[in-house]
């Protein structure tokens, strides 16, 4: 359920209300009982729970260990596998 921010149009009191999106919006200030307006908020940040998400979670193979040179002339000083 989201948290909504409200401000009283009479006394200026600001407060938060925690209710469902389909629930009726708050209409009265809890401090003075006058009309309130719902404020536009930035919303909640995303919270990732667990061990974490890493760039390596979905990669095939490892980028830390480059593939070995398979050129037959590698011992002679292959300069980029032009002989393949």
PDB file of N, CA and C in Angstrom:
ATOM      1  N   UNK A   1       0.844  -1.179   0.000  1.00  0.00           N
ATOM      2  CA  UNK A   1       0.000   0.000   0.000  1.00  0.00           C
ATOM      3  C   UNK A   1       0.892   1.246   0.000  1.00  0.00           C
ATOM      4  N   UNK A   2       0.527   2.220  -0.799  1.00  0.00           N
ATOM      5  CA  UNK A   2       1.340   3.433  -0.879  1.00  0.00           C
ATOM      6  C   UNK A   2       1.076   4.406   0.261  1.00  0.00           C
ATOM      7  N   UNK A   3       2.025   5.287   0.449  1.00  0.00           N
ATOM      8  CA  UNK A   3       1.909   6.363   1.424  1.00  0.00           C
ATOM      9  C   UNK A   3       1.615   7.654   0.659  1.00  0.00           C
ATOM     10  N   UNK A   4       0.601   8.377   1.084  1.00  0.00           N
ATOM     11  CA  UNK A   4       0.212   9.629   0.434  1.00  0.00           C
ATOM     12  C   UNK A   4       0.505  10.804   1.357  1.00  0.00           C
ATOM     13  N   UNK A   5       0.924  11.912   0.763  1.00  0.00           N
ATOM     14  CA  UNK A   5       1.181  13.141   1.508  1.00  0.00           C
ATOM     15  C   UNK A   5      -0.013  14.081   1.339  1.00  0.00           C
ATOM     16  N   UNK A   6      -0.419  14.696   2.441  1.00  0.00           N
ATOM     17  CA  UNK A   6      -1.542  15.632   2.432  1.00  0.00           C
ATOM     18  C   UNK A   6      -1.133  16.934   3.100  1.00  0.00           C
ATOM     19  N   UNK A   7      -1.841  18.009   2.719  1.00  0.00           N
ATOM     20  CA  UNK A   7      -1.634  19.310   3.342  1.00  0.00           C
ATOM     21  C   UNK A   7      -2.985  19.971   3.577  1.00  0.00           C
ATOM     22  N   UNK A   8      -3.158  20.517   4.758  1.00  0.00           N
ATOM     23  CA  UNK A   8      -4.401  21.201   5.104  1.00  0.00           C
ATOM     24  C   UNK A   8      -4.443  22.547   4.391  1.00  0.00           C
ATOM     25  N   UNK A   9      -5.593  22.862   3.802  1.00  0.00           N
ATOM     26  CA  UNK A   9      -5.735  24.136   3.097  1.00  0.00           C
ATOM     27  C   UNK A   9      -5.950  25.301   4.057  1.00  0.00           C
ATOM     28  N   UNK A  10      -6.290  25.009   5.314  1.00  0.00           N
ATOM     29  CA  UNK A  10      -6.547  26.062   6.304  1.00  0.00           C
ATOM     30  C   UNK A  10      -5.321  26.332   7.191  1.00  0.00           C
ATOM     31  N   UNK A  11      -4.836  25.307   7.885  1.00  0.00           N
ATOM     32  CA  UNK A  11      -3.750  25.522   8.851  1.00  0.00           C
ATOM     33  C   UNK A  11      -2.367  25.189   8.300  1.00  0.00           C
ATOM     34  N   UNK A  12      -2.287  24.558   7.110  1.00  0.00           N
ATOM     35  CA  UNK A  12      -1.004  24.240   6.503  1.00  0.00           C
ATOM     36  C   UNK A  12      -0.332  22.991   7.050  1.00  0.00           C
ATOM     37  N   UNK A  13      -0.997  22.278   7.944  1.00  0.00           N
ATOM     38  CA  UNK A  13      -0.439  21.054   8.527  1.00  0.00           C
ATOM     39  C   UNK A  13      -0.229  20.016   7.430  1.00  0.00           C
ATOM     40  N   UNK A  14       0.974  19.424   7.370  1.00  0.00           N
ATOM     41  CA  UNK A  14       1.246  18.350   6.409  1.00  0.00           C
ATOM     42  C   UNK A  14       1.377  17.033   7.169  1.00  0.00           C
ATOM     43  N   UNK A  15       0.892  15.973   6.536  1.00  0.00           N
ATOM     44  CA  UNK A  15       0.939  14.653   7.157  1.00  0.00           C
ATOM     45  C   UNK A  15       0.902  13.591   6.073  1.00  0.00           C
ATOM     46  N   UNK A  16       1.209  12.365   6.475  1.00  0.00           N
ATOM     47  CA  UNK A  16       1.183  11.226   5.580  1.00  0.00           C
ATOM     48  C   UNK A  16       0.051  10.288   5.969  1.00  0.00           C
ATOM     49  N   UNK A  17      -0.535   9.647   4.966  1.00  0.00           N
ATOM     50  CA  UNK A  17      -1.571   8.648   5.206  1.00  0.00           C
ATOM     51  C   UNK A  17      -1.217   7.403   4.409  1.00  0.00           C
ATOM     52  N   UNK A  18      -1.309   6.261   5.049  1.00  0.00           N
ATOM     53  CA  UNK A  18      -0.977   4.979   4.456  1.00  0.00           C
ATOM     54  C   UNK A  18      -2.273   4.249   4.159  1.00  0.00           C
ATOM     55  N   UNK A  19      -2.653   4.182   2.881  1.00  0.00           N
ATOM     56  CA  UNK A  19      -3.874   3.467   2.509  1.00  0.00           C
ATOM     57  C   UNK A  19      -3.770   2.967   1.076  1.00  0.00           C
ATOM     58  N   UNK A  20      -4.642   2.054   0.710  1.00  0.00           N
ATOM     59  CA  UNK A  20      -4.639   1.463  -0.619  1.00  0.00           C
ATOM     60  C   UNK A  20      -5.046   2.459  -1.695  1.00  0.00           C
ATOM     61  N   UNK A  21      -4.695   2.146  -2.939  1.00  0.00           N
ATOM     62  CA  UNK A  21      -5.005   3.051  -4.045  1.00  0.00           C
ATOM     63  C   UNK A  21      -6.508   3.155  -4.283  1.00  0.00           C
ATOM     64  N   UNK A  22      -7.250   2.114  -3.989  1.00  0.00           N
ATOM     65  CA  UNK A  22      -8.693   2.124  -4.210  1.00  0.00           C
ATOM     66  C   UNK A  22      -9.477   2.625  -2.996  1.00  0.00           C
ATOM     67  N   UNK A  23      -8.784   2.862  -1.872  1.00  0.00           N
ATOM     68  CA  UNK A  23      -9.456   3.377  -0.683  1.00  0.00           C
ATOM     69  C   UNK A  23      -9.794   4.851  -0.861  1.00  0.00           C
ATOM     70  N   UNK A  24     -10.754   5.299  -0.084  1.00  0.00           N
ATOM     71  CA  UNK A  24     -11.170   6.698  -0.139  1.00  0.00           C
ATOM     72  C   UNK A  24     -10.045   7.596   0.392  1.00  0.00           C
ATOM     73  N   UNK A  25      -9.796   8.707  -0.300  1.00  0.00           N
ATOM     74  CA  UNK A  25      -8.741   9.636   0.103  1.00  0.00           C
ATOM     75  C   UNK A  25      -9.136  10.360   1.391  1.00  0.00           C
ATOM     76  N   UNK A  26      -8.126  10.815   2.118  1.00  0.00           N
ATOM     77  CA  UNK A  26      -8.364  11.586   3.344  1.00  0.00           C
ATOM     78  C   UNK A  26      -8.958  12.927   2.944  1.00  0.00           C
ATOM     79  N   UNK A  27      -9.998  13.361   3.663  1.00  0.00           N
ATOM     80  CA  UNK A  27     -10.671  14.609   3.321  1.00  0.00           C
ATOM     81  C   UNK A  27     -10.518  15.685   4.388  1.00  0.00           C
ATOM     82  N   UNK A  28     -10.255  15.282   5.644  1.00  0.00           N
ATOM     83  CA  UNK A  28     -10.186  16.250   6.746  1.00  0.00           C
ATOM     84  C   UNK A  28      -8.829  16.208   7.432  1.00  0.00           C
ATOM     85  N   UNK A  29      -8.378  17.370   7.842  1.00  0.00           N
ATOM     86  CA  UNK A  29      -7.128  17.503   8.572  1.00  0.00           C
ATOM     87  C   UNK A  29      -7.283  16.917   9.969  1.00  0.00           C
ATOM     88  N   UNK A  30      -6.325  16.083  10.408  1.00  0.00           N
ATOM     89  CA  UNK A  30      -6.421  15.507  11.751  1.00  0.00           C
ATOM     90  C   UNK A  30      -6.174  16.551  12.848  1.00  0.00           C
ATOM     91  N   UNK A  31      -5.608  17.688  12.485  1.00  0.00           N
ATOM     92  CA  UNK A  31      -5.299  18.725  13.466  1.00  0.00           C
ATOM     93  C   UNK A  31      -6.466  19.694  13.679  1.00  0.00           C
ATOM     94  N   UNK A  32      -7.042  20.211  12.556  1.00  0.00           N
ATOM     95  CA  UNK A  32      -8.100  21.215  12.705  1.00  0.00           C
ATOM     96  C   UNK A  32      -9.442  20.783  12.110  1.00  0.00           C
ATOM     97  N   UNK A  33      -9.472  19.681  11.356  1.00  0.00           N
ATOM     98  CA  UNK A  33     -10.721  19.180  10.810  1.00  0.00           C
ATOM     99  C   UNK A  33     -11.164  19.836   9.515  1.00  0.00           C
ATOM    100  N   UNK A  34     -10.352  20.716   8.938  1.00  0.00           N
ATOM    101  CA  UNK A  34     -10.699  21.376   7.680  1.00  0.00           C
ATOM    102  C   UNK A  34     -10.257  20.528   6.488  1.00  0.00           C
ATOM    103  N   UNK A  35     -10.564  21.021   5.280  1.00  0.00           N
ATOM    104  CA  UNK A  35     -10.303  20.298   4.049  1.00  0.00           C
ATOM    105  C   UNK A  35      -8.796  20.184   3.773  1.00  0.00           C
ATOM    106  N   UNK A  36      -8.383  19.032   3.218  1.00  0.00           N
ATOM    107  CA  UNK A  36      -6.977  18.808   2.863  1.00  0.00           C
ATOM    108  C   UNK A  36      -6.865  18.548   1.364  1.00  0.00           C
ATOM    109  N   UNK A  37      -5.650  18.760   0.848  1.00  0.00           N
ATOM    110  CA  UNK A  37      -5.380  18.411  -0.543  1.00  0.00           C
ATOM    111  C   UNK A  37      -4.221  17.425  -0.562  1.00  0.00           C
ATOM    112  N   UNK A  38      -4.273  16.506  -1.524  1.00  0.00           N
ATOM    113  CA  UNK A  38      -3.207  15.518  -1.643  1.00  0.00           C
ATOM    114  C   UNK A  38      -2.066  16.136  -2.443  1.00  0.00           C
ATOM    115  N   UNK A  39      -0.856  15.964  -1.946  1.00  0.00           N
ATOM    116  CA  UNK A  39       0.320  16.516  -2.591  1.00  0.00           C
ATOM    117  C   UNK A  39       0.918  15.506  -3.563  1.00  0.00           C
ATOM    118  N   UNK A  40       1.585  16.023  -4.567  1.00  0.00           N
ATOM    119  CA  UNK A  40       2.301  15.155  -5.491  1.00  0.00           C
ATOM    120  C   UNK A  40       3.638  14.836  -4.852  1.00  0.00           C
ATOM    121  N   UNK A  41       3.918  13.573  -4.723  1.00  0.00           N
ATOM    122  CA  UNK A  41       5.174  13.178  -4.077  1.00  0.00           C
ATOM    123  C   UNK A  41       6.060  12.449  -5.071  1.00  0.00           C
ATOM    124  N   UNK A  42       7.300  12.305  -4.699  1.00  0.00           N
ATOM    125  CA  UNK A  42       8.266  11.631  -5.563  1.00  0.00           C
ATOM    126  C   UNK A  42       8.103  10.123  -5.521  1.00  0.00           C
ATOM    127  N   UNK A  43       7.328   9.627  -4.608  1.00  0.00           N
ATOM    128  CA  UNK A  43       7.141   8.188  -4.492  1.00  0.00           C
ATOM    129  C   UNK A  43       8.256   7.549  -3.690  1.00  0.00           C
ATOM    130  N   UNK A  44       8.134   6.289  -3.489  1.00  0.00           N
ATOM    131  CA  UNK A  44       9.129   5.560  -2.704  1.00  0.00           C
ATOM    132  C   UNK A  44      10.231   5.049  -3.604  1.00  0.00           C
ATOM    133  N   UNK A  45      11.412   4.950  -3.046  1.00  0.00           N
ATOM    134  CA  UNK A  45      12.527   4.377  -3.788  1.00  0.00           C
ATOM    135  C   UNK A  45      12.394   2.873  -3.859  1.00  0.00           C
ATOM    136  N   UNK A  46      13.085   2.287  -4.781  1.00  0.00           N
ATOM    137  CA  UNK A  46      13.065   0.837  -4.927  1.00  0.00           C
ATOM    138  C   UNK A  46      14.002   0.239  -3.889  1.00  0.00           C
ATOM    139  N   UNK A  47      13.519  -0.770  -3.223  1.00  0.00           N
ATOM    140  CA  UNK A  47      14.325  -1.443  -2.208  1.00  0.00           C
ATOM    141  C   UNK A  47      14.587  -2.862  -2.691  1.00  0.00           C
ATOM    142  N   UNK A  48      15.859  -3.187  -2.887  1.00  0.00           N
ATOM    143  CA  UNK A  48      16.231  -4.541  -3.262  1.00  0.00           C
ATOM    144  C   UNK A  48      16.613  -5.291  -1.999  1.00  0.00           C
ATOM    145  N   UNK A  49      15.979  -6.415  -1.778  1.00  0.00           N
ATOM    146  CA  UNK A  49      16.292  -7.225  -0.610  1.00  0.00           C
ATOM    147  C   UNK A  49      16.993  -8.490  -1.076  1.00  0.00           C
ATOM    148  N   UNK A  50      17.833  -9.017  -0.255  1.00  0.00           N
ATOM    149  CA  UNK A  50      18.532 -10.237  -0.594  1.00  0.00           C
ATOM    150  C   UNK A  50      20.027 -10.000  -0.685  1.00  0.00           C
ATOM    151  N   UNK A  51      20.713 -10.921  -1.338  1.00  0.00           N
ATOM    152  CA  UNK A  51      22.165 -10.852  -1.415  1.00  0.00           C
ATOM    153  C   UNK A  51      22.645  -9.806  -2.396  1.00  0.00           C
ATOM    154  N   UNK A  52      21.811  -9.375  -3.314  1.00  0.00           N
ATOM    155  CA  UNK A  52      22.199  -8.319  -4.243  1.00  0.00           C
ATOM    156  C   UNK A  52      22.034  -8.731  -5.686  1.00  0.00           C
ATOM    157  N   UNK A  53      22.166  -7.756  -6.551  1.00  0.00           N
ATOM    158  CA  UNK A  53      22.055  -7.959  -7.984  1.00  0.00           C
ATOM    159  C   UNK A  53      23.346  -7.450  -8.602  1.00  0.00           C
ATOM    160  N   UNK A  54      23.973  -8.277  -9.371  1.00  0.00           N
ATOM    161  CA  UNK A  54      25.255  -7.930  -9.941  1.00  0.00           C
ATOM    162  C   UNK A  54      25.225  -8.106 -11.447  1.00  0.00           C
ATOM    163  N   UNK A  55      26.096  -7.415 -12.131  1.00  0.00           N
ATOM    164  CA  UNK A  55      26.174  -7.509 -13.585  1.00  0.00           C
ATOM    165  C   UNK A  55      26.557  -8.910 -14.034  1.00  0.00           C
ATOM    166  N   UNK A  56      27.211  -9.651 -13.181  1.00  0.00           N
ATOM    167  CA  UNK A  56      27.646 -10.998 -13.543  1.00  0.00           C
ATOM    168  C   UNK A  56      26.592 -12.069 -13.299  1.00  0.00           C
ATOM    169  N   UNK A  57      25.442 -11.695 -12.764  1.00  0.00           N
ATOM    170  CA  UNK A  57      24.419 -12.700 -12.444  1.00  0.00           C
ATOM    171  C   UNK A  57      23.893 -13.427 -13.671  1.00  0.00           C
ATOM    172  N   UNK A  58      23.828 -12.762 -14.822  1.00  0.00           N
ATOM    173  CA  UNK A  58      23.200 -13.358 -15.993  1.00  0.00           C
ATOM    174  C   UNK A  58      24.164 -13.516 -17.173  1.00  0.00           C
ATOM    175  N   UNK A  59      25.431 -13.326 -16.952  1.00  0.00           N
ATOM    176  CA  UNK A  59      26.402 -13.477 -18.027  1.00  0.00           C
ATOM    177  C   UNK A  59      26.752 -14.941 -18.235  1.00  0.00           C
ATOM    178  N   UNK A  60      27.071 -15.256 -19.468  1.00  0.00           N
ATOM    179  CA  UNK A  60      27.581 -16.591 -19.779  1.00  0.00           C
ATOM    180  C   UNK A  60      29.096 -16.491 -19.755  1.00  0.00           C
ATOM    181  N   UNK A  61      29.716 -17.284 -18.975  1.00  0.00           N
ATOM    182  CA  UNK A  61      31.168 -17.257 -18.881  1.00  0.00           C
ATOM    183  C   UNK A  61      31.630 -16.148 -17.955  1.00  0.00           C
ATOM    184  N   UNK A  62      32.921 -16.002 -17.884  1.00  0.00           N
ATOM    185  CA  UNK A  62      33.498 -15.014 -16.988  1.00  0.00           C
ATOM    186  C   UNK A  62      34.254 -13.975 -17.790  1.00  0.00           C
ATOM    187  N   UNK A  63      34.098 -12.723 -17.455  1.00  0.00           N
ATOM    188  CA  UNK A  63      34.825 -11.666 -18.140  1.00  0.00           C
ATOM    189  C   UNK A  63      36.168 -11.399 -17.482  1.00  0.00           C
ATOM    190  N   UNK A  64      36.374 -11.929 -16.314  1.00  0.00           N
ATOM    191  CA  UNK A  64      37.649 -11.694 -15.628  1.00  0.00           C
ATOM    192  C   UNK A  64      38.737 -12.594 -16.184  1.00  0.00           C
ATOM    193  N   UNK A  65      38.378 -13.732 -16.781  1.00  0.00           N
ATOM    194  CA  UNK A  65      39.347 -14.646 -17.369  1.00  0.00           C
ATOM    195  C   UNK A  65      39.143 -14.640 -18.880  1.00  0.00           C
ATOM    196  N   UNK A  66      39.975 -13.896 -19.645  1.00  0.00           N
ATOM    197  CA  UNK A  66      39.793 -13.859 -21.099  1.00  0.00           C
ATOM    198  C   UNK A  66      40.070 -15.217 -21.715  1.00  0.00           C
ATOM    199  N   UNK A  67      39.520 -15.485 -22.893  1.00  0.00           N
ATOM    200  CA  UNK A  67      39.760 -16.786 -23.517  1.00  0.00           C
ATOM    201  C   UNK A  67      41.236 -16.951 -23.855  1.00  0.00           C
ATOM    202  N   UNK A  68      41.694 -18.188 -23.772  1.00  0.00           N
ATOM    203  CA  UNK A  68      43.089 -18.478 -24.068  1.00  0.00           C
ATOM    204  C   UNK A  68      43.330 -18.363 -25.565  1.00  0.00           C
ATOM    205  N   UNK A  69      44.557 -18.003 -25.928  1.00  0.00           N
ATOM    206  CA  UNK A  69      44.922 -17.875 -27.326  1.00  0.00           C
ATOM    207  C   UNK A  69      44.979 -19.262 -27.946  1.00  0.00           C
ATOM    208  N   UNK A  70      44.208 -19.476 -28.997  1.00  0.00           N
ATOM    209  CA  UNK A  70      44.158 -20.784 -29.644  1.00  0.00           C
ATOM    210  C   UNK A  70      44.915 -20.792 -30.967  1.00  0.00           C
ATOM    211  N   UNK A  71      45.641 -19.736 -31.257  1.00  0.00           N
ATOM    212  CA  UNK A  71      46.402 -19.644 -32.495  1.00  0.00           C
ATOM    213  C   UNK A  71      47.576 -20.630 -32.448  1.00  0.00           C
ATOM    214  N   UNK A  72      47.780 -21.417 -33.510  1.00  0.00           N
ATOM    215  CA  UNK A  72      48.893 -22.369 -33.500  1.00  0.00           C
ATOM    216  C   UNK A  72      50.263 -21.684 -33.505  1.00  0.00           C
ATOM    217  N   UNK A  73      50.324 -20.427 -33.907  1.00  0.00           N
ATOM    218  CA  UNK A  73      51.606 -19.728 -33.950  1.00  0.00           C
ATOM    219  C   UNK A  73      51.775 -18.780 -32.759  1.00  0.00           C
ATOM    220  N   UNK A  74      50.980 -18.975 -31.711  1.00  0.00           N
ATOM    221  CA  UNK A  74      51.034 -18.094 -30.552  1.00  0.00           C
ATOM    222  C   UNK A  74      52.409 -18.081 -29.911  1.00  0.00           C
ATOM    223  N   UNK A  75      53.113 -19.228 -29.916  1.00  0.00           N
ATOM    224  CA  UNK A  75      54.442 -19.306 -29.314  1.00  0.00           C
ATOM    225  C   UNK A  75      55.459 -18.493 -30.110  1.00  0.00           C
ATOM    226  N   UNK A  76      55.183 -18.292 -31.394  1.00  0.00           N
ATOM    227  CA  UNK A  76      56.099 -17.532 -32.236  1.00  0.00           C
ATOM    228  C   UNK A  76      55.866 -16.030 -32.144  1.00  0.00           C
ATOM    229  N   UNK A  77      54.878 -15.620 -31.364  1.00  0.00           N
ATOM    230  CA  UNK A  77      54.585 -14.195 -31.227  1.00  0.00           C
ATOM    231  C   UNK A  77      53.486 -13.734 -32.152  1.00  0.00           C
ATOM    232  N   UNK A  78      52.378 -14.395 -32.102  1.00  0.00           N
ATOM    233  CA  UNK A  78      51.227 -14.043 -32.920  1.00  0.00           C
ATOM    234  C   UNK A  78      50.827 -12.601 -32.665  1.00  0.00           C
ATOM    235  N   UNK A  79      50.584 -11.843 -33.677  1.00  0.00           N
ATOM    236  CA  UNK A  79      50.224 -10.434 -33.504  1.00  0.00           C
ATOM    237  C   UNK A  79      48.764 -10.145 -33.727  1.00  0.00           C
ATOM    238  N   UNK A  80      47.891 -11.014 -33.373  1.00  0.00           N
ATOM    239  CA  UNK A  80      46.456 -10.748 -33.507  1.00  0.00           C
ATOM    240  C   UNK A  80      45.718 -11.782 -34.338  1.00  0.00           C
ATOM    241  N   UNK A  81      46.305 -12.929 -34.552  1.00  0.00           N
ATOM    242  CA  UNK A  81      45.680 -14.053 -35.256  1.00  0.00           C
ATOM    243  C   UNK A  81      45.343 -13.746 -36.704  1.00  0.00           C
ATOM    244  N   UNK A  82      46.282 -13.166 -37.428  1.00  0.00           N
ATOM    245  CA  UNK A  82      46.048 -12.972 -38.860  1.00  0.00           C
ATOM    246  C   UNK A  82      46.220 -14.261 -39.647  1.00  0.00           C
ATOM    247  N   UNK A  83      46.814 -15.302 -39.028  1.00  0.00           N
ATOM    248  CA  UNK A  83      47.083 -16.539 -39.766  1.00  0.00           C
ATOM    249  C   UNK A  83      45.968 -17.563 -39.640  1.00  0.00           C
ATOM    250  N   UNK A  84      44.885 -17.260 -39.000  1.00  0.00           N
ATOM    251  CA  UNK A  84      43.842 -18.254 -38.770  1.00  0.00           C
ATOM    252  C   UNK A  84      43.100 -18.602 -40.042  1.00  0.00           C
TER     253      UNK A  84
END
